[in-house]
């Protein structure tokens, strides 16, 4: 994945750690990239992604996020 310097994007992996052929938008800030994942993780997980790794300029930032570990609490 080639990402211009300074841009943030997600690499999506399946349960075996193999990249999922899913395009995520480039974001100019980490906040925007994380907000995008927060809004779309259900759909992404539904298409086979189990993990999302944040990239900055194509390099991993941190260990990533297990999409299957998100738990929604019931509304009161």
PDB file of N, CA and C in Angstrom:
ATOM      1  N   UNK A   1       0.850  -1.170   0.000  1.00  0.00           N
ATOM      2  CA  UNK A   1       0.000   0.000   0.000  1.00  0.00           C
ATOM      3  C   UNK A   1       0.895   1.231   0.000  1.00  0.00           C
ATOM      4  N   UNK A   2       0.721   2.112  -0.951  1.00  0.00           N
ATOM      5  CA  UNK A   2       1.502   3.332  -1.021  1.00  0.00           C
ATOM      6  C   UNK A   2       0.629   4.491  -0.565  1.00  0.00           C
ATOM      7  N   UNK A   3       1.081   5.163   0.473  1.00  0.00           N
ATOM      8  CA  UNK A   3       0.340   6.287   1.036  1.00  0.00           C
ATOM      9  C   UNK A   3       1.275   7.488   1.087  1.00  0.00           C
ATOM     10  N   UNK A   4       0.828   8.646   0.601  1.00  0.00           N
ATOM     11  CA  UNK A   4       1.680   9.829   0.674  1.00  0.00           C
ATOM     12  C   UNK A   4       2.074  10.151   2.111  1.00  0.00           C
ATOM     13  N   UNK A   5       3.250  10.720   2.293  1.00  0.00           N
ATOM     14  CA  UNK A   5       3.755  11.058   3.627  1.00  0.00           C
ATOM     15  C   UNK A   5       2.742  11.902   4.387  1.00  0.00           C
ATOM     16  N   UNK A   6       2.544  11.548   5.651  1.00  0.00           N
ATOM     17  CA  UNK A   6       1.663  12.321   6.505  1.00  0.00           C
ATOM     18  C   UNK A   6       0.221  11.872   6.512  1.00  0.00           C
ATOM     19  N   UNK A   7      -0.190  11.052   5.537  1.00  0.00           N
ATOM     20  CA  UNK A   7      -1.581  10.608   5.512  1.00  0.00           C
ATOM     21  C   UNK A   7      -1.761   9.348   6.341  1.00  0.00           C
ATOM     22  N   UNK A   8      -2.955   9.207   6.880  1.00  0.00           N
ATOM     23  CA  UNK A   8      -3.319   8.075   7.720  1.00  0.00           C
ATOM     24  C   UNK A   8      -4.312   7.197   6.968  1.00  0.00           C
ATOM     25  N   UNK A   9      -4.195   5.885   7.124  1.00  0.00           N
ATOM     26  CA  UNK A   9      -5.116   4.935   6.489  1.00  0.00           C
ATOM     27  C   UNK A   9      -5.122   3.659   7.335  1.00  0.00           C
ATOM     28  N   UNK A  10      -6.009   2.749   7.014  1.00  0.00           N
ATOM     29  CA  UNK A  10      -6.115   1.475   7.731  1.00  0.00           C
ATOM     30  C   UNK A  10      -5.744   0.326   6.819  1.00  0.00           C
ATOM     31  N   UNK A  11      -4.993  -0.623   7.355  1.00  0.00           N
ATOM     32  CA  UNK A  11      -4.779  -1.895   6.667  1.00  0.00           C
ATOM     33  C   UNK A  11      -5.693  -2.887   7.366  1.00  0.00           C
ATOM     34  N   UNK A  12      -6.536  -3.529   6.598  1.00  0.00           N
ATOM     35  CA  UNK A  12      -7.507  -4.470   7.155  1.00  0.00           C
ATOM     36  C   UNK A  12      -7.035  -5.892   6.928  1.00  0.00           C
ATOM     37  N   UNK A  13      -7.113  -6.711   7.985  1.00  0.00           N
ATOM     38  CA  UNK A  13      -6.632  -8.085   7.933  1.00  0.00           C
ATOM     39  C   UNK A  13      -7.754  -9.036   8.301  1.00  0.00           C
ATOM     40  N   UNK A  14      -7.726 -10.235   7.715  1.00  0.00           N
ATOM     41  CA  UNK A  14      -8.710 -11.243   8.093  1.00  0.00           C
ATOM     42  C   UNK A  14      -8.221 -11.967   9.350  1.00  0.00           C
ATOM     43  N   UNK A  15      -8.938 -12.990   9.787  1.00  0.00           N
ATOM     44  CA  UNK A  15      -8.595 -13.708  11.002  1.00  0.00           C
ATOM     45  C   UNK A  15      -7.242 -14.392  10.963  1.00  0.00           C
ATOM     46  N   UNK A  16      -6.720 -14.668   9.775  1.00  0.00           N
ATOM     47  CA  UNK A  16      -5.418 -15.306   9.631  1.00  0.00           C
ATOM     48  C   UNK A  16      -4.288 -14.279   9.459  1.00  0.00           C
ATOM     49  N   UNK A  17      -4.643 -12.993   9.485  1.00  0.00           N
ATOM     50  CA  UNK A  17      -3.633 -11.948   9.326  1.00  0.00           C
ATOM     51  C   UNK A  17      -3.317 -11.596   7.888  1.00  0.00           C
ATOM     52  N   UNK A  18      -4.139 -12.081   6.967  1.00  0.00           N
ATOM     53  CA  UNK A  18      -3.947 -11.798   5.537  1.00  0.00           C
ATOM     54  C   UNK A  18      -4.716 -10.527   5.181  1.00  0.00           C
ATOM     55  N   UNK A  19      -4.073  -9.595   4.463  1.00  0.00           N
ATOM     56  CA  UNK A  19      -4.768  -8.361   4.106  1.00  0.00           C
ATOM     57  C   UNK A  19      -6.063  -8.625   3.333  1.00  0.00           C
ATOM     58  N   UNK A  20      -7.078  -7.892   3.710  1.00  0.00           N
ATOM     59  CA  UNK A  20      -8.385  -7.942   3.053  1.00  0.00           C
ATOM     60  C   UNK A  20      -8.365  -6.899   1.947  1.00  0.00           C
ATOM     61  N   UNK A  21      -8.859  -7.246   0.791  1.00  0.00           N
ATOM     62  CA  UNK A  21      -8.871  -6.328  -0.349  1.00  0.00           C
ATOM     63  C   UNK A  21     -10.009  -5.325  -0.167  1.00  0.00           C
ATOM     64  N   UNK A  22      -9.798  -4.414   0.719  1.00  0.00           N
ATOM     65  CA  UNK A  22     -10.794  -3.390   1.059  1.00  0.00           C
ATOM     66  C   UNK A  22     -10.066  -2.059   1.106  1.00  0.00           C
ATOM     67  N   UNK A  23     -10.594  -1.065   0.444  1.00  0.00           N
ATOM     68  CA  UNK A  23      -9.954   0.240   0.397  1.00  0.00           C
ATOM     69  C   UNK A  23     -10.524   1.114   1.511  1.00  0.00           C
ATOM     70  N   UNK A  24      -9.628   1.739   2.269  1.00  0.00           N
ATOM     71  CA  UNK A  24     -10.067   2.707   3.269  1.00  0.00           C
ATOM     72  C   UNK A  24      -9.617   4.081   2.811  1.00  0.00           C
ATOM     73  N   UNK A  25     -10.379   5.100   3.149  1.00  0.00           N
ATOM     74  CA  UNK A  25      -9.977   6.435   2.695  1.00  0.00           C
ATOM     75  C   UNK A  25      -8.740   6.932   3.437  1.00  0.00           C
ATOM     76  N   UNK A  26      -7.936   7.737   2.758  1.00  0.00           N
ATOM     77  CA  UNK A  26      -6.810   8.401   3.406  1.00  0.00           C
ATOM     78  C   UNK A  26      -7.363   9.551   4.238  1.00  0.00           C
ATOM     79  N   UNK A  27      -6.794   9.751   5.412  1.00  0.00           N
ATOM     80  CA  UNK A  27      -7.201  10.848   6.282  1.00  0.00           C
ATOM     81  C   UNK A  27      -5.997  11.742   6.526  1.00  0.00           C
ATOM     82  N   UNK A  28      -6.249  13.013   6.742  1.00  0.00           N
ATOM     83  CA  UNK A  28      -5.147  13.942   6.992  1.00  0.00           C
ATOM     84  C   UNK A  28      -4.761  13.977   8.468  1.00  0.00           C
ATOM     85  N   UNK A  29      -5.621  13.457   9.350  1.00  0.00           N
ATOM     86  CA  UNK A  29      -5.294  13.410  10.777  1.00  0.00           C
ATOM     87  C   UNK A  29      -5.606  12.026  11.327  1.00  0.00           C
ATOM     88  N   UNK A  30      -4.928  11.681  12.402  1.00  0.00           N
ATOM     89  CA  UNK A  30      -5.200  10.405  13.073  1.00  0.00           C
ATOM     90  C   UNK A  30      -6.636  10.381  13.590  1.00  0.00           C
ATOM     91  N   UNK A  31      -7.092  11.505  14.127  1.00  0.00           N
ATOM     92  CA  UNK A  31      -8.454  11.594  14.632  1.00  0.00           C
ATOM     93  C   UNK A  31      -9.459  11.226  13.541  1.00  0.00           C
ATOM     94  N   UNK A  32      -9.288  11.784  12.350  1.00  0.00           N
ATOM     95  CA  UNK A  32     -10.218  11.495  11.255  1.00  0.00           C
ATOM     96  C   UNK A  32     -10.178  10.017  10.864  1.00  0.00           C
ATOM     97  N   UNK A  33      -8.990   9.424  10.853  1.00  0.00           N
ATOM     98  CA  UNK A  33      -8.864   8.001  10.512  1.00  0.00           C
ATOM     99  C   UNK A  33      -9.567   7.141  11.567  1.00  0.00           C
ATOM    100  N   UNK A  34      -9.358   7.463  12.843  1.00  0.00           N
ATOM    101  CA  UNK A  34      -9.982   6.691  13.907  1.00  0.00           C
ATOM    102  C   UNK A  34     -11.498   6.890  13.928  1.00  0.00           C
ATOM    103  N   UNK A  35     -11.953   8.099  13.634  1.00  0.00           N
ATOM    104  CA  UNK A  35     -13.396   8.354  13.562  1.00  0.00           C
ATOM    105  C   UNK A  35     -14.025   7.546  12.429  1.00  0.00           C
ATOM    106  N   UNK A  36     -13.331   7.472  11.295  1.00  0.00           N
ATOM    107  CA  UNK A  36     -13.856   6.690  10.165  1.00  0.00           C
ATOM    108  C   UNK A  36     -14.017   5.227  10.561  1.00  0.00           C
ATOM    109  N   UNK A  37     -13.001   4.659  11.233  1.00  0.00           N
ATOM    110  CA  UNK A  37     -13.092   3.261  11.649  1.00  0.00           C
ATOM    111  C   UNK A  37     -14.235   3.076  12.631  1.00  0.00           C
ATOM    112  N   UNK A  38     -14.392   4.015  13.551  1.00  0.00           N
ATOM    113  CA  UNK A  38     -15.486   3.936  14.519  1.00  0.00           C
ATOM    114  C   UNK A  38     -16.852   3.918  13.860  1.00  0.00           C
ATOM    115  N   UNK A  39     -16.995   4.594  12.756  1.00  0.00           N
ATOM    116  CA  UNK A  39     -18.272   4.643  12.035  1.00  0.00           C
ATOM    117  C   UNK A  39     -18.494   3.437  11.130  1.00  0.00           C
ATOM    118  N   UNK A  40     -17.426   2.780  10.682  1.00  0.00           N
ATOM    119  CA  UNK A  40     -17.563   1.744   9.657  1.00  0.00           C
ATOM    120  C   UNK A  40     -17.139   0.342  10.079  1.00  0.00           C
ATOM    121  N   UNK A  41     -16.698   0.138  11.308  1.00  0.00           N
ATOM    122  CA  UNK A  41     -16.137  -1.151  11.695  1.00  0.00           C
ATOM    123  C   UNK A  41     -17.121  -2.302  11.533  1.00  0.00           C
ATOM    124  N   UNK A  42     -18.401  -2.094  11.795  1.00  0.00           N
ATOM    125  CA  UNK A  42     -19.378  -3.186  11.666  1.00  0.00           C
ATOM    126  C   UNK A  42     -19.450  -3.697  10.230  1.00  0.00           C
ATOM    127  N   UNK A  43     -19.530  -2.779   9.294  1.00  0.00           N
ATOM    128  CA  UNK A  43     -19.611  -3.170   7.884  1.00  0.00           C
ATOM    129  C   UNK A  43     -18.319  -3.843   7.444  1.00  0.00           C
ATOM    130  N   UNK A  44     -17.198  -3.328   7.891  1.00  0.00           N
ATOM    131  CA  UNK A  44     -15.902  -3.907   7.531  1.00  0.00           C
ATOM    132  C   UNK A  44     -15.785  -5.321   8.089  1.00  0.00           C
ATOM    133  N   UNK A  45     -16.143  -5.490   9.361  1.00  0.00           N
ATOM    134  CA  UNK A  45     -16.099  -6.823   9.977  1.00  0.00           C
ATOM    135  C   UNK A  45     -17.052  -7.775   9.267  1.00  0.00           C
ATOM    136  N   UNK A  46     -18.184  -7.268   8.837  1.00  0.00           N
ATOM    137  CA  UNK A  46     -19.156  -8.087   8.115  1.00  0.00           C
ATOM    138  C   UNK A  46     -18.657  -8.566   6.766  1.00  0.00           C
ATOM    139  N   UNK A  47     -17.644  -7.901   6.228  1.00  0.00           N
ATOM    140  CA  UNK A  47     -17.062  -8.299   4.940  1.00  0.00           C
ATOM    141  C   UNK A  47     -15.775  -9.097   5.119  1.00  0.00           C
ATOM    142  N   UNK A  48     -15.492  -9.517   6.358  1.00  0.00           N
ATOM    143  CA  UNK A  48     -14.377 -10.434   6.568  1.00  0.00           C
ATOM    144  C   UNK A  48     -13.153  -9.902   7.276  1.00  0.00           C
ATOM    145  N   UNK A  49     -13.107  -8.616   7.597  1.00  0.00           N
ATOM    146  CA  UNK A  49     -11.945  -8.081   8.315  1.00  0.00           C
ATOM    147  C   UNK A  49     -12.089  -8.389   9.800  1.00  0.00           C
ATOM    148  N   UNK A  50     -11.001  -8.834  10.413  1.00  0.00           N
ATOM    149  CA  UNK A  50     -11.002  -9.133  11.842  1.00  0.00           C
ATOM    150  C   UNK A  50     -10.113  -8.170  12.622  1.00  0.00           C
ATOM    151  N   UNK A  51      -9.226  -7.491  11.918  1.00  0.00           N
ATOM    152  CA  UNK A  51      -8.263  -6.595  12.570  1.00  0.00           C
ATOM    153  C   UNK A  51      -7.994  -5.406  11.659  1.00  0.00           C
ATOM    154  N   UNK A  52      -7.787  -4.245  12.266  1.00  0.00           N
ATOM    155  CA  UNK A  52      -7.438  -3.035  11.523  1.00  0.00           C
ATOM    156  C   UNK A  52      -6.163  -2.461  12.119  1.00  0.00           C
ATOM    157  N   UNK A  53      -5.192  -2.206  11.263  1.00  0.00           N
ATOM    158  CA  UNK A  53      -3.917  -1.639  11.705  1.00  0.00           C
ATOM    159  C   UNK A  53      -3.806  -0.240  11.116  1.00  0.00           C
ATOM    160  N   UNK A  54      -3.622   0.739  11.983  1.00  0.00           N
ATOM    161  CA  UNK A  54      -3.486   2.121  11.539  1.00  0.00           C
ATOM    162  C   UNK A  54      -2.110   2.319  10.918  1.00  0.00           C
ATOM    163  N   UNK A  55      -2.092   2.967   9.758  1.00  0.00           N
ATOM    164  CA  UNK A  55      -0.842   3.257   9.048  1.00  0.00           C
ATOM    165  C   UNK A  55      -0.685   4.761   8.894  1.00  0.00           C
ATOM    166  N   UNK A  56       0.555   5.210   9.059  1.00  0.00           N
ATOM    167  CA  UNK A  56       0.877   6.599   8.728  1.00  0.00           C
ATOM    168  C   UNK A  56       1.974   6.541   7.689  1.00  0.00           C
ATOM    169  N   UNK A  57       1.698   7.097   6.543  1.00  0.00           N
ATOM    170  CA  UNK A  57       2.626   7.058   5.412  1.00  0.00           C
ATOM    171  C   UNK A  57       3.040   5.621   5.108  1.00  0.00           C
ATOM    172  N   UNK A  58       2.087   4.679   5.271  1.00  0.00           N
ATOM    173  CA  UNK A  58       2.329   3.288   4.933  1.00  0.00           C
ATOM    174  C   UNK A  58       2.980   2.451   6.012  1.00  0.00           C
ATOM    175  N   UNK A  59       3.335   3.049   7.153  1.00  0.00           N
ATOM    176  CA  UNK A  59       3.991   2.335   8.247  1.00  0.00           C
ATOM    177  C   UNK A  59       3.017   2.126   9.405  1.00  0.00           C
ATOM    178  N   UNK A  60       3.004   0.938  10.011  1.00  0.00           N
ATOM    179  CA  UNK A  60       2.092   0.664  11.131  1.00  0.00           C
ATOM    180  C   UNK A  60       2.348   1.579  12.327  1.00  0.00           C
ATOM    181  N   UNK A  61       1.254   1.980  12.952  1.00  0.00           N
ATOM    182  CA  UNK A  61       1.300   2.791  14.168  1.00  0.00           C
ATOM    183  C   UNK A  61       0.551   2.005  15.242  1.00  0.00           C
ATOM    184  N   UNK A  62       1.272   1.404  16.146  1.00  0.00           N
ATOM    185  CA  UNK A  62       0.633   0.633  17.212  1.00  0.00           C
ATOM    186  C   UNK A  62       0.262  -0.766  16.763  1.00  0.00           C
ATOM    187  N   UNK A  63      -0.317  -1.528  17.701  1.00  0.00           N
ATOM    188  CA  UNK A  63      -0.603  -2.936  17.441  1.00  0.00           C
ATOM    189  C   UNK A  63      -1.852  -3.201  16.593  1.00  0.00           C
ATOM    190  N   UNK A  64      -2.731  -2.246  16.474  1.00  0.00           N
ATOM    191  CA  UNK A  64      -3.959  -2.452  15.713  1.00  0.00           C
ATOM    192  C   UNK A  64      -5.150  -2.687  16.618  1.00  0.00           C
ATOM    193  N   UNK A  65      -6.293  -2.872  15.989  1.00  0.00           N
ATOM    194  CA  UNK A  65      -7.560  -3.012  16.690  1.00  0.00           C
ATOM    195  C   UNK A  65      -8.232  -4.299  16.239  1.00  0.00           C
ATOM    196  N   UNK A  66      -8.634  -5.124  17.198  1.00  0.00           N
ATOM    197  CA  UNK A  66      -9.403  -6.329  16.889  1.00  0.00           C
ATOM    198  C   UNK A  66     -10.858  -5.913  16.689  1.00  0.00           C
ATOM    199  N   UNK A  67     -11.359  -6.042  15.499  1.00  0.00           N
ATOM    200  CA  UNK A  67     -12.726  -5.618  15.224  1.00  0.00           C
ATOM    201  C   UNK A  67     -13.744  -6.514  15.907  1.00  0.00           C
ATOM    202  N   UNK A  68     -13.368  -7.745  16.182  1.00  0.00           N
ATOM    203  CA  UNK A  68     -14.291  -8.669  16.823  1.00  0.00           C
ATOM    204  C   UNK A  68     -14.408  -8.431  18.319  1.00  0.00           C
ATOM    205  N   UNK A  69     -13.533  -7.575  18.884  1.00  0.00           N
ATOM    206  CA  UNK A  69     -13.571  -7.318  20.323  1.00  0.00           C
ATOM    207  C   UNK A  69     -14.467  -6.151  20.698  1.00  0.00           C
ATOM    208  N   UNK A  70     -14.960  -5.402  19.716  1.00  0.00           N
ATOM    209  CA  UNK A  70     -15.869  -4.317  20.046  1.00  0.00           C
ATOM    210  C   UNK A  70     -17.150  -4.910  20.618  1.00  0.00           C
ATOM    211  N   UNK A  71     -17.568  -4.391  21.721  1.00  0.00           N
ATOM    212  CA  UNK A  71     -18.795  -4.878  22.353  1.00  0.00           C
ATOM    213  C   UNK A  71     -19.700  -3.680  22.555  1.00  0.00           C
ATOM    214  N   UNK A  72     -20.922  -3.824  22.122  1.00  0.00           N
ATOM    215  CA  UNK A  72     -21.889  -2.741  22.304  1.00  0.00           C
ATOM    216  C   UNK A  72     -22.717  -3.043  23.550  1.00  0.00           C
ATOM    217  N   UNK A  73     -22.829  -2.057  24.408  1.00  0.00           N
ATOM    218  CA  UNK A  73     -23.651  -2.211  25.602  1.00  0.00           C
ATOM    219  C   UNK A  73     -25.085  -1.883  25.240  1.00  0.00           C
ATOM    220  N   UNK A  74     -26.050  -2.594  25.830  1.00  0.00           N
ATOM    221  CA  UNK A  74     -27.450  -2.300  25.522  1.00  0.00           C
ATOM    222  C   UNK A  74     -27.832  -0.908  26.024  1.00  0.00           C
ATOM    223  N   UNK A  75     -28.726  -0.291  25.312  1.00  0.00           N
ATOM    224  CA  UNK A  75     -29.216   1.029  25.733  1.00  0.00           C
ATOM    225  C   UNK A  75     -30.175   0.850  26.893  1.00  0.00           C
ATOM    226  N   UNK A  76     -30.075   1.768  27.820  1.00  0.00           N
ATOM    227  CA  UNK A  76     -30.969   1.694  28.999  1.00  0.00           C
ATOM    228  C   UNK A  76     -32.247   2.442  28.735  1.00  0.00           C
TER     229      UNK A  76
END
